[in-house]
Amino acid sequence: MPATELWAGALSLILIHEETGCQHSALHAARLLDQLCDSADIDDATRRLCERASSRLSHQERRHACAA
């Protein structure tokens, strides 16, 4: 999968996670970010940022979509 599609997919899933609290979206976003980390064409700062985001998304406390 080209890097552009990985970035778009990761950002889309992060937004879905933030809007709905969907843990599956967070985990899928983390996997895409991990794939981006493995890419040879990103710089070290971007790689560290992807690693931080992936780690945070992977280890979040489960929360419900509704605020009730």
C-alpha atoms as a PDB file:
ATOM      1  CA  MET A   1       0.000   0.000   0.000  1.00  0.00           C
ATOM      2  CA  PRO A   2       1.482   3.397  -0.936  1.00  0.00           C
ATOM      3  CA  ALA A   3       2.465   5.728   1.905  1.00  0.00           C
ATOM      4  CA  THR A   4      -0.161   8.310   0.900  1.00  0.00           C
ATOM      5  CA  GLU A   5      -2.903   5.744   1.400  1.00  0.00           C
ATOM      6  CA  LEU A   6      -1.420   4.688   4.744  1.00  0.00           C
ATOM      7  CA  TRP A   7      -1.362   8.308   5.968  1.00  0.00           C
ATOM      8  CA  ALA A   8      -4.930   8.922   4.793  1.00  0.00           C
ATOM      9  CA  GLY A   9      -6.148   5.682   6.363  1.00  0.00           C
ATOM     10  CA  ALA A  10      -4.415   6.352   9.665  1.00  0.00           C
ATOM     11  CA  LEU A  11      -5.759   9.893   9.894  1.00  0.00           C
ATOM     12  CA  SER A  12      -9.263   8.760   9.002  1.00  0.00           C
ATOM     13  CA  LEU A  13      -9.207   6.052  11.675  1.00  0.00           C
ATOM     14  CA  ILE A  14      -7.820   8.464  14.276  1.00  0.00           C
ATOM     15  CA  LEU A  15     -10.682  10.862  13.551  1.00  0.00           C
ATOM     16  CA  ILE A  16     -13.250   8.061  13.794  1.00  0.00           C
ATOM     17  CA  HIS A  17     -11.711   7.031  17.115  1.00  0.00           C
ATOM     18  CA  GLU A  18     -11.810  10.584  18.450  1.00  0.00           C
ATOM     19  CA  GLU A  19     -15.386  11.163  17.260  1.00  0.00           C
ATOM     20  CA  THR A  20     -16.863   7.864  18.415  1.00  0.00           C
ATOM     21  CA  GLY A  21     -14.461   6.331  20.907  1.00  0.00           C
ATOM     22  CA  CYS A  22     -14.212   3.220  18.722  1.00  0.00           C
ATOM     23  CA  GLN A  23     -11.323   1.163  20.070  1.00  0.00           C
ATOM     24  CA  HIS A  24     -11.099  -0.895  16.866  1.00  0.00           C
ATOM     25  CA  SER A  25     -10.422   2.288  14.905  1.00  0.00           C
ATOM     26  CA  ALA A  26      -7.644   3.180  17.349  1.00  0.00           C
ATOM     27  CA  LEU A  27      -6.033  -0.244  17.008  1.00  0.00           C
ATOM     28  CA  HIS A  28      -6.249  -0.199  13.213  1.00  0.00           C
ATOM     29  CA  ALA A  29      -4.780   3.314  13.140  1.00  0.00           C
ATOM     30  CA  ALA A  30      -1.927   2.127  15.354  1.00  0.00           C
ATOM     31  CA  ARG A  31      -1.204  -0.732  12.943  1.00  0.00           C
ATOM     32  CA  LEU A  32      -1.091   1.655   9.991  1.00  0.00           C
ATOM     33  CA  LEU A  33       1.222   3.977  11.909  1.00  0.00           C
ATOM     34  CA  ASP A  34       3.466   0.995  12.655  1.00  0.00           C
ATOM     35  CA  GLN A  35       3.624   0.264   8.935  1.00  0.00           C
ATOM     36  CA  LEU A  36       4.594   3.872   8.302  1.00  0.00           C
ATOM     37  CA  CYS A  37       7.345   3.560  10.927  1.00  0.00           C
ATOM     38  CA  ASP A  38       8.789   0.681   8.926  1.00  0.00           C
ATOM     39  CA  SER A  39       8.913   2.807   5.783  1.00  0.00           C
ATOM     40  CA  ALA A  40      12.413   3.759   4.677  1.00  0.00           C
ATOM     41  CA  ASP A  41      11.333   7.111   3.253  1.00  0.00           C
ATOM     42  CA  ILE A  42      10.309   8.921   6.461  1.00  0.00           C
ATOM     43  CA  ASP A  43      12.659  10.942   8.623  1.00  0.00           C
ATOM     44  CA  ASP A  44      13.549  10.111  12.222  1.00  0.00           C
ATOM     45  CA  ALA A  45      11.360  12.836  13.764  1.00  0.00           C
ATOM     46  CA  THR A  46       8.290  11.635  11.845  1.00  0.00           C
ATOM     47  CA  ARG A  47       9.090   8.032  12.750  1.00  0.00           C
ATOM     48  CA  ARG A  48       9.240   8.913  16.470  1.00  0.00           C
ATOM     49  CA  LEU A  49       5.951  10.802  16.169  1.00  0.00           C
ATOM     50  CA  CYS A  50       4.289   7.802  14.516  1.00  0.00           C
ATOM     51  CA  GLU A  51       5.684   5.515  17.221  1.00  0.00           C
ATOM     52  CA  ARG A  52       4.331   7.760  19.991  1.00  0.00           C
ATOM     53  CA  ALA A  53       0.907   7.981  18.362  1.00  0.00           C
ATOM     54  CA  SER A  54       0.789   4.235  17.762  1.00  0.00           C
ATOM     55  CA  SER A  55       1.735   3.508  21.352  1.00  0.00           C
ATOM     56  CA  ARG A  56      -0.861   5.901  22.720  1.00  0.00           C
ATOM     57  CA  LEU A  57      -3.612   4.513  20.484  1.00  0.00           C
ATOM     58  CA  SER A  58      -2.701   0.916  21.347  1.00  0.00           C
ATOM     59  CA  HIS A  59      -2.686   1.423  25.117  1.00  0.00           C
ATOM     60  CA  GLN A  60      -5.673   3.679  25.682  1.00  0.00           C
ATOM     61  CA  GLU A  61      -8.186   2.852  28.333  1.00  0.00           C
ATOM     62  CA  ARG A  62     -11.380   1.560  26.799  1.00  0.00           C
ATOM     63  CA  ARG A  63     -14.143   4.137  26.764  1.00  0.00           C
ATOM     64  CA  HIS A  64     -17.724   4.091  25.614  1.00  0.00           C
ATOM     65  CA  ALA A  65     -18.886   6.073  22.598  1.00  0.00           C
ATOM     66  CA  CYS A  66     -21.667   7.780  24.513  1.00  0.00           C
ATOM     67  CA  ALA A  67     -20.977  10.206  27.329  1.00  0.00           C
ATOM     68  CA  ALA A  68     -23.942   9.064  29.404  1.00  0.00           C
END
